[in-house]
């Protein structure tokens, strides 16, 4: 190595490393990002957290970056569910420079001076080269990790979460995995499957460490309890073998062949056969876009109608939930009132029982007294009490004279 090369190498080692997690939505990118963060790769300050019916354990994405990407997609007439090629060439060189500068500013602001960071945002799959250039210009070494999940599981997950049709989800899956693979080919990258991450995460991160030539700030043994508590097969709601792909008409050609090629790259990262297969499918896909594009508009209309229906159903469920809650509160209030009345009746019963026993006892004592000898002896005196007051006074006067 020449002195100039040694200097370049030393300068490279001083640059912060960005681990770029790439993969289709619903493919395990969030789980992988969290594991890498536990190994010591920094997360953004403002992170997109857990969402009900979407990702219960968190998304781990830079919220500001997601928002900015949505703005850029909208500016170019696209959306996150658009499976057409994403072309920055539609924008002027000045505008492209502004976007790269904004991306770099967001990353620097969100991650600070961290020596190793992890960035995950599935939309990046559609413009990896552009995003990587922005980070490189900002002084980062970019190393990519591609995570792939069985597309049948992905389409089912999207159908449950968003009501997407299998055909639309399949094209979206193709766009993300094909573009991400092509853009990172020949660069420093690693590739794993979602299944491998769940079944043996330690082997998966060791593979990533070896292929990216990176030493994690923390050892796997240090974070094992945390990762074991975080990763769970219960979060994998769908599980299918590769054989089932061939049984689904929509998935059996481009999609299944693309997935098989990625599995081949896992075993042989430089497989020319897999590269040729992926290039052929990507070119055919791009050539078919003008024919398939009109279907996108029809699909968007259908999806919008479905989304509206889902919102209406959710509102109705929420309204009925409030009604049920009100009824439950009313029932609980009545139950409480009845409990109070039952308590009062119980106390009143006890008092009545006590008074009754006292009365019965007094009657018995009174009867016993009436039958006693003292009661009989004092009878004349009691009779005297019944004599009119004037006569009693006269009798007393006579007795005093005697």
Protein backbone atom coordinates (compact mmCIF):
# COMPACT_ATOMS: atom_id res chain seq x y z
CA UNK A 1 0.00 0.00 0.00
CA UNK A 2 1.41 3.37 -1.03
CA UNK A 3 1.59 6.29 1.44
CA UNK A 4 -1.27 7.98 -0.40
CA UNK A 5 -3.41 4.85 -0.09
CA UNK A 6 -2.53 4.52 3.60
CA UNK A 7 -3.57 8.14 4.12
CA UNK A 8 -6.89 7.54 2.33
CA UNK A 9 -7.46 4.44 4.47
CA UNK A 10 -6.76 6.33 7.71
CA UNK A 11 -9.08 9.14 6.64
CA UNK A 12 -11.82 6.61 5.89
CA UNK A 13 -11.58 5.02 9.33
CA UNK A 14 -12.14 8.45 10.89
CA UNK A 15 -15.43 8.97 9.06
CA UNK A 16 -18.65 7.96 10.85
CA UNK A 17 -20.34 4.81 9.60
CA UNK A 18 -23.97 4.73 8.51
CA UNK A 19 -25.59 1.29 8.51
CA UNK A 20 -28.37 1.63 5.94
CA UNK A 21 -31.15 -0.93 6.50
CA UNK A 22 -32.94 -1.64 3.23
CA UNK A 23 -36.03 -3.71 2.67
CA UNK A 24 -39.65 -3.67 1.68
CA UNK A 25 -42.27 -2.53 4.19
CA UNK A 26 -43.39 -5.36 6.51
CA UNK A 27 -40.13 -7.26 5.92
CA UNK A 28 -38.48 -7.05 9.34
CA UNK A 29 -36.56 -3.81 8.80
CA UNK A 30 -37.81 -2.43 12.12
CA UNK A 31 -36.76 -5.52 14.07
CA UNK A 32 -33.30 -5.51 12.47
CA UNK A 33 -32.84 -1.79 13.13
CA UNK A 34 -33.67 -2.24 16.80
CA UNK A 35 -31.20 -5.11 17.16
CA UNK A 36 -28.44 -3.07 15.53
CA UNK A 37 -29.21 -0.17 17.85
CA UNK A 38 -28.85 -2.47 20.85
CA UNK A 39 -25.44 -3.44 19.47
CA UNK A 40 -24.48 0.23 19.71
CA UNK A 41 -25.54 1.84 16.41
CA UNK A 42 -27.16 5.17 17.24
CA UNK A 43 -30.85 5.83 16.61
CA UNK A 44 -32.26 9.26 15.64
CA UNK A 45 -33.32 11.67 18.36
CA UNK A 46 -36.87 11.90 17.00
CA UNK A 47 -37.78 8.29 16.31
CA UNK A 48 -41.04 6.95 14.90
CA UNK A 49 -42.36 4.71 17.65
CA UNK A 50 -44.91 1.95 17.95
CA UNK A 51 -48.24 2.16 16.17
CA UNK A 52 -51.32 0.03 16.74
CA UNK A 53 -52.06 -2.41 13.91
CA UNK A 54 -48.78 -1.43 12.25
CA UNK A 55 -45.75 -2.13 14.37
CA UNK A 56 -46.33 -2.82 18.05
CA UNK A 57 -42.63 -2.72 18.96
CA UNK A 58 -41.69 0.48 17.14
CA UNK A 59 -40.59 1.57 13.65
CA UNK A 60 -37.23 3.10 14.71
CA UNK A 61 -37.25 5.49 11.73
CA UNK A 62 -36.21 9.17 11.76
CA UNK A 63 -39.59 10.92 11.83
CA UNK A 64 -38.27 14.05 10.15
CA UNK A 65 -36.70 12.00 7.35
CA UNK A 66 -39.97 10.13 6.74
CA UNK A 67 -41.86 13.42 6.53
CA UNK A 68 -39.30 14.89 4.13
CA UNK A 69 -39.39 11.83 1.90
CA UNK A 70 -43.17 12.06 1.75
CA UNK A 71 -42.80 15.65 0.56
CA UNK A 72 -40.33 14.62 -2.15
CA UNK A 73 -42.54 11.75 -3.32
CA UNK A 74 -45.50 14.11 -3.56
CA UNK A 75 -43.38 16.68 -5.43
CA UNK A 76 -42.65 14.03 -8.08
CA UNK A 77 -46.24 12.80 -8.20
CA UNK A 78 -45.55 9.61 -6.31
CA UNK A 79 -46.50 7.90 -3.03
CA UNK A 80 -44.94 5.25 -0.83
CA UNK A 81 -47.18 2.61 -2.42
CA UNK A 82 -46.18 3.56 -5.99
CA UNK A 83 -44.35 0.72 -7.78
CA UNK A 84 -43.12 2.79 -10.73
CA UNK A 85 -39.44 3.79 -10.99
CA UNK A 86 -38.60 6.87 -8.98
CA UNK A 87 -36.69 9.37 -11.11
CA UNK A 88 -34.89 12.32 -9.54
CA UNK A 89 -33.85 13.24 -13.09
CA UNK A 90 -37.24 14.95 -13.41
CA UNK A 91 -35.89 17.65 -11.10
CA UNK A 92 -33.31 20.29 -11.90
CA UNK A 93 -29.72 19.86 -10.75
CA UNK A 94 -30.24 22.74 -8.32
CA UNK A 95 -33.29 21.11 -6.79
CA UNK A 96 -31.51 17.77 -6.52
CA UNK A 97 -28.67 19.51 -4.69
CA UNK A 98 -31.15 21.12 -2.29
CA UNK A 99 -32.68 17.74 -1.53
CA UNK A 100 -29.29 16.10 -0.92
CA UNK A 101 -28.33 18.97 1.40
CA UNK A 102 -31.62 18.62 3.31
CA UNK A 103 -31.12 14.87 3.74
CA UNK A 104 -27.61 15.44 5.04
CA UNK A 105 -28.82 18.14 7.43
CA UNK A 106 -31.56 15.88 8.83
CA UNK A 107 -29.12 13.01 9.39
CA UNK A 108 -26.53 15.23 11.08
CA UNK A 109 -29.16 16.88 13.28
CA UNK A 110 -30.85 13.62 14.24
CA UNK A 111 -27.70 11.58 14.92
CA UNK A 112 -25.18 14.17 16.08
CA UNK A 113 -21.57 13.05 16.35
CA UNK A 114 -22.25 9.32 16.78
CA UNK A 115 -19.49 7.23 15.19
CA UNK A 116 -21.92 4.47 14.09
CA UNK A 117 -25.54 5.15 13.17
CA UNK A 118 -28.36 3.04 11.76
CA UNK A 119 -30.84 4.51 9.28
CA UNK A 120 -33.99 2.67 8.29
CA UNK A 121 -36.68 4.07 6.01
CA UNK A 122 -38.18 1.68 3.42
CA UNK A 123 -38.85 4.48 0.91
CA UNK A 124 -35.08 4.80 0.45
CA UNK A 125 -35.10 1.49 -1.47
CA UNK A 126 -36.44 3.39 -4.47
CA UNK A 127 -33.59 5.93 -4.52
CA UNK A 128 -30.68 4.27 -2.74
CA UNK A 129 -28.03 5.80 -4.99
CA UNK A 130 -29.30 9.33 -4.48
CA UNK A 131 -29.55 8.86 -0.71
CA UNK A 132 -26.11 7.26 -0.47
CA UNK A 133 -24.55 10.15 -2.41
CA UNK A 134 -26.13 12.61 0.05
CA UNK A 135 -24.64 10.74 3.03
CA UNK A 136 -21.25 10.34 1.37
CA UNK A 137 -21.14 14.08 0.66
CA UNK A 138 -21.98 14.62 4.33
CA UNK A 139 -18.91 12.62 5.37
CA UNK A 140 -20.40 9.19 6.12
CA UNK A 141 -19.21 5.75 5.14
CA UNK A 142 -22.37 3.99 3.97
CA UNK A 143 -22.73 0.23 4.45
CA UNK A 144 -25.99 -1.46 3.57
CA UNK A 145 -27.90 -4.36 5.06
CA UNK A 146 -30.63 -5.84 2.88
CA UNK A 147 -33.29 -7.85 4.69
CA UNK A 148 -35.66 -10.01 2.66
CA UNK A 149 -38.90 -11.66 3.70
CA UNK A 150 -41.05 -14.20 1.88
CA UNK A 151 -43.19 -11.97 -0.42
CA UNK A 152 -46.27 -14.04 0.33
CA UNK A 153 -45.98 -13.05 3.97
CA UNK A 154 -45.43 -9.41 3.00
CA UNK A 155 -48.51 -9.25 0.77
CA UNK A 156 -50.67 -10.83 3.46
CA UNK A 157 -49.36 -8.39 6.07
CA UNK A 158 -50.13 -5.42 3.80
CA UNK A 159 -53.57 -6.83 3.06
CA UNK A 160 -54.34 -6.95 6.77
CA UNK A 161 -52.89 -3.54 7.61
CA UNK A 162 -53.89 -1.52 4.54
CA UNK A 163 -56.34 -3.67 2.62
CA UNK A 164 -53.96 -3.90 -0.34
CA UNK A 165 -54.54 -6.32 -3.19
CA UNK A 166 -51.97 -9.08 -3.72
CA UNK A 167 -51.10 -7.84 -7.20
CA UNK A 168 -50.36 -4.29 -6.12
CA UNK A 169 -48.38 -5.45 -3.07
CA UNK A 170 -46.35 -7.84 -5.24
CA UNK A 171 -45.33 -5.08 -7.64
CA UNK A 172 -44.45 -2.85 -4.70
CA UNK A 173 -42.32 -5.65 -3.21
CA UNK A 174 -40.57 -6.12 -6.56
CA UNK A 175 -39.76 -2.42 -6.89
CA UNK A 176 -38.23 -2.20 -3.43
CA UNK A 177 -36.10 -5.36 -3.48
CA UNK A 178 -34.99 -5.09 -7.13
CA UNK A 179 -33.95 -1.44 -6.91
CA UNK A 180 -32.24 -1.85 -3.53
CA UNK A 181 -30.26 -4.86 -4.71
CA UNK A 182 -29.18 -3.24 -7.97
CA UNK A 183 -28.16 0.02 -6.27
CA UNK A 184 -26.00 -1.70 -3.63
CA UNK A 185 -24.43 -4.35 -5.88
CA UNK A 186 -20.65 -4.04 -5.80
CA UNK A 187 -20.67 -1.92 -2.63
CA UNK A 188 -20.04 -3.03 0.94
CA UNK A 189 -23.27 -4.76 1.90
CA UNK A 190 -24.76 -7.71 3.78
CA UNK A 191 -27.95 -9.65 3.18
CA UNK A 192 -30.12 -11.63 5.61
CA UNK A 193 -33.68 -12.92 5.81
CA UNK A 194 -36.34 -12.00 8.34
CA UNK A 195 -36.66 -15.68 9.22
CA UNK A 196 -32.93 -15.92 10.02
CA UNK A 197 -33.17 -12.86 12.27
CA UNK A 198 -35.99 -14.41 14.28
CA UNK A 199 -34.56 -17.92 14.53
CA UNK A 200 -30.90 -17.09 15.23
CA UNK A 201 -30.28 -13.37 15.58
CA UNK A 202 -26.73 -13.83 16.90
CA UNK A 203 -25.62 -15.65 13.75
CA UNK A 204 -27.40 -13.02 11.66
CA UNK A 205 -25.55 -10.09 13.28
CA UNK A 206 -22.24 -11.97 13.10
CA UNK A 207 -22.83 -12.39 9.36
CA UNK A 208 -23.55 -8.67 9.05
CA UNK A 209 -20.45 -7.78 11.08
CA UNK A 210 -18.23 -9.97 8.93
CA UNK A 211 -19.61 -8.84 5.56
CA UNK A 212 -19.63 -5.15 6.50
CA UNK A 213 -16.26 -5.39 8.25
CA UNK A 214 -17.58 -3.63 11.32
CA UNK A 215 -17.03 -4.21 15.02
CA UNK A 216 -20.09 -3.42 17.09
CA UNK A 217 -19.69 -1.12 20.13
CA UNK A 218 -21.41 -3.78 22.27
CA UNK A 219 -20.95 -7.53 22.35
CA UNK A 220 -23.82 -9.88 21.57
CA UNK A 221 -23.49 -11.51 24.98
CA UNK A 222 -24.14 -8.12 26.62
CA UNK A 223 -27.39 -7.49 24.79
CA UNK A 224 -28.71 -11.07 24.61
CA UNK A 225 -31.36 -10.64 27.35
CA UNK A 226 -32.61 -7.43 25.71
CA UNK A 227 -32.77 -8.88 22.21
CA UNK A 228 -34.34 -12.13 23.38
CA UNK A 229 -37.00 -10.08 25.12
CA UNK A 230 -37.55 -7.88 22.07
CA UNK A 231 -37.58 -10.39 19.22
CA UNK A 232 -40.49 -12.79 19.25
CA UNK A 233 -41.95 -15.19 16.70
CA UNK A 234 -45.39 -14.00 17.88
CA UNK A 235 -44.75 -10.79 15.91
CA UNK A 236 -44.53 -12.90 12.75
CA UNK A 237 -48.22 -13.26 11.99
CA UNK A 238 -47.68 -15.01 8.65
CA UNK A 239 -45.27 -17.79 7.77
CA UNK A 240 -44.98 -19.59 4.43
CA UNK A 241 -42.49 -21.79 2.65
CA UNK A 242 -40.98 -20.87 -0.71
CA UNK A 243 -42.93 -23.73 -2.32
CA UNK A 244 -46.22 -21.92 -1.71
CA UNK A 245 -45.12 -19.00 -3.88
CA UNK A 246 -45.41 -21.15 -7.00
CA UNK A 247 -49.01 -21.96 -6.08
CA UNK A 248 -50.14 -18.32 -6.27
CA UNK A 249 -50.60 -17.16 -9.89
CA UNK A 250 -49.70 -13.54 -9.16
CA UNK A 251 -46.47 -14.53 -7.39
CA UNK A 252 -45.19 -17.49 -9.35
CA UNK A 253 -43.13 -15.71 -12.00
CA UNK A 254 -41.29 -12.42 -11.38
CA UNK A 255 -41.87 -12.46 -7.63
CA UNK A 256 -40.90 -16.07 -6.90
CA UNK A 257 -37.86 -15.88 -9.20
CA UNK A 258 -36.71 -12.65 -7.56
CA UNK A 259 -37.05 -14.19 -4.12
CA UNK A 260 -35.17 -17.32 -5.21
CA UNK A 261 -32.36 -15.15 -6.63
CA UNK A 262 -32.03 -13.32 -3.31
CA UNK A 263 -31.86 -16.62 -1.45
CA UNK A 264 -29.10 -17.66 -3.86
CA UNK A 265 -27.18 -14.47 -3.08
CA UNK A 266 -27.37 -15.34 0.61
CA UNK A 267 -25.37 -18.46 -0.13
CA UNK A 268 -23.15 -16.99 -2.88
CA UNK A 269 -23.03 -13.16 -2.64
CA UNK A 270 -21.34 -12.84 -6.04
CA UNK A 271 -23.57 -15.28 -7.96
CA UNK A 272 -23.57 -14.13 -11.58
CA UNK A 273 -26.56 -16.34 -12.27
CA UNK A 274 -28.59 -14.56 -9.60
CA UNK A 275 -27.44 -11.17 -10.90
CA UNK A 276 -28.52 -12.02 -14.45
CA UNK A 277 -31.91 -13.20 -13.23
CA UNK A 278 -32.50 -10.04 -11.22
CA UNK A 279 -31.35 -7.76 -14.05
CA UNK A 280 -33.60 -9.52 -16.54
CA UNK A 281 -36.63 -9.24 -14.25
CA UNK A 282 -35.91 -5.59 -13.38
CA UNK A 283 -35.55 -4.64 -17.06
CA UNK A 284 -38.74 -6.47 -17.99
CA UNK A 285 -40.53 -4.82 -15.09
CA UNK A 286 -39.38 -1.35 -16.10
CA UNK A 287 -40.35 -2.00 -19.74
CA UNK A 288 -43.82 -3.08 -18.61
CA UNK A 289 -44.46 0.03 -16.54
CA UNK A 290 -46.12 2.02 -19.38
CA UNK A 291 -48.55 -0.86 -19.81
CA UNK A 292 -49.06 -1.50 -16.12
CA UNK A 293 -49.15 2.17 -15.05
CA UNK A 294 -52.82 2.73 -15.99
CA UNK A 295 -53.66 -0.07 -13.59
CA UNK A 296 -52.04 1.95 -10.81
CA UNK A 297 -54.63 4.70 -11.14
CA UNK A 298 -57.47 2.17 -11.03
CA UNK A 299 -55.84 0.50 -8.04
CA UNK A 300 -55.44 3.85 -6.28
CA UNK A 301 -59.13 4.54 -6.74
CA UNK A 302 -60.01 1.14 -5.38
CA UNK A 303 -57.61 1.52 -2.49
CA UNK A 304 -58.99 4.97 -1.70
CA UNK A 305 -62.50 3.53 -1.65
CA UNK A 306 -61.35 0.72 0.61
CA UNK A 307 -59.51 3.13 2.87
CA UNK A 308 -62.62 5.29 3.14
CA UNK A 309 -64.69 2.22 3.95
CA UNK A 310 -62.18 1.17 6.59
CA UNK A 311 -62.25 4.64 8.13
CA UNK A 312 -66.05 4.58 8.19
CA UNK A 313 -66.02 1.14 9.81
CA UNK A 314 -63.43 2.29 12.36
CA UNK A 315 -65.55 5.34 13.18
CA UNK A 316 -68.60 3.13 13.59
CA UNK A 317 -66.68 0.74 15.82
CA UNK A 318 -65.46 3.69 17.87
CA UNK A 319 -69.00 5.11 18.13
CA UNK A 320 -70.38 1.77 19.24
CA UNK A 321 -67.50 1.41 21.65
CA UNK A 322 -68.47 4.71 23.27
CA UNK A 323 -72.09 3.56 23.47
CA UNK A 324 -71.08 0.29 25.07
CA UNK A 325 -68.85 2.16 27.49
CA UNK A 326 -71.74 4.48 28.43
CA UNK A 327 -74.04 1.50 28.97
CA UNK A 328 -71.40 -0.23 31.08
CA UNK A 329 -70.97 2.91 33.17
CA UNK A 330 -74.75 3.16 33.66
CA UNK A 331 -74.94 -0.49 34.64
CA UNK A 332 -72.03 -0.06 37.03
CA UNK A 333 -73.76 2.96 38.61
CA UNK A 334 -77.02 1.01 39.04
CA UNK A 335 -75.10 -1.91 40.50
CA UNK A 336 -73.47 0.45 42.98
CA UNK A 337 -76.85 1.94 43.93
CA UNK A 338 -78.31 -1.52 44.38
CA UNK A 339 -75.37 -2.52 46.55
CA UNK A 340 -75.96 0.55 48.72
CA UNK A 341 -79.66 -0.30 49.02
CA UNK A 342 -78.87 -3.90 49.83
CA UNK A 343 -76.51 -2.71 52.55
CA UNK A 344 -79.14 -0.34 53.95
CA UNK A 345 -81.80 -3.07 53.90
CA UNK A 346 -79.41 -5.43 55.63
CA UNK A 347 -78.69 -2.88 58.34
CA UNK A 348 -82.41 -2.11 58.74
CA UNK A 349 -83.14 -5.83 59.02
CA UNK A 350 -80.57 -6.14 61.76
CA UNK A 351 -82.15 -3.24 63.67
CA UNK A 352 -85.66 -4.68 63.28
CA UNK A 353 -84.43 -8.05 64.47
CA UNK A 354 -82.80 -6.45 67.53
CA UNK A 355 -85.90 -4.42 68.41
CA UNK A 356 -88.09 -7.49 67.97
CA UNK A 357 -85.91 -9.55 70.28
CA UNK A 358 -85.88 -6.73 72.84
CA UNK A 359 -89.67 -6.48 72.67
CA UNK A 360 -90.11 -10.23 73.07
CA UNK A 361 -87.73 -10.23 76.01
CA UNK A 362 -89.64 -7.37 77.67
CA UNK A 363 -92.98 -9.17 77.20
CA UNK A 364 -91.56 -12.32 78.78
CA UNK A 365 -90.16 -10.36 81.75
CA UNK A 366 -93.46 -8.51 82.15
CA UNK A 367 -95.40 -11.79 82.18
CA UNK A 368 -93.05 -13.29 84.76
CA UNK A 369 -93.41 -10.22 86.96
CA UNK A 370 -97.19 -10.35 86.84
CA UNK A 371 -97.09 -13.92 88.16
CA UNK A 372 -94.71 -13.07 91.02
CA UNK A 373 -95.69 -12.83 94.77
CA UNK A 374 -94.65 -9.16 95.00
CA UNK A 375 -97.05 -8.33 92.20
CA UNK A 376 -99.93 -9.96 94.16
CA UNK A 377 -99.04 -8.21 97.48
CA UNK A 378 -98.93 -4.77 95.89
CA UNK A 379 -102.26 -5.25 94.16
CA UNK A 380 -104.23 -3.06 96.75
CA UNK A 381 -101.76 -0.24 96.18
CA UNK A 382 -102.22 -0.50 92.48
CA UNK A 383 -105.96 -0.46 92.97
CA UNK A 384 -105.62 2.64 95.10
CA UNK A 385 -103.88 4.35 92.21
CA UNK A 386 -107.09 3.99 90.24
CA UNK A 387 -109.17 5.90 92.96
CA UNK A 388 -109.96 9.50 91.98
CA UNK A 389 -107.53 12.12 93.28
CA UNK A 390 -110.12 13.92 95.53
CA UNK A 391 -111.00 10.71 97.38
CA UNK A 392 -107.34 9.88 97.92
CA UNK A 393 -106.76 13.29 99.43
CA UNK A 394 -109.72 12.79 101.82
CA UNK A 395 -108.50 9.37 102.91
CA UNK A 396 -105.03 10.74 103.57
CA UNK A 397 -106.52 13.58 105.67
CA UNK A 398 -108.51 11.17 107.82
CA UNK A 399 -105.51 8.95 108.33
CA UNK A 400 -103.43 11.91 109.51
CA UNK A 401 -106.05 12.74 112.22
CA UNK A 402 -106.08 9.25 113.49
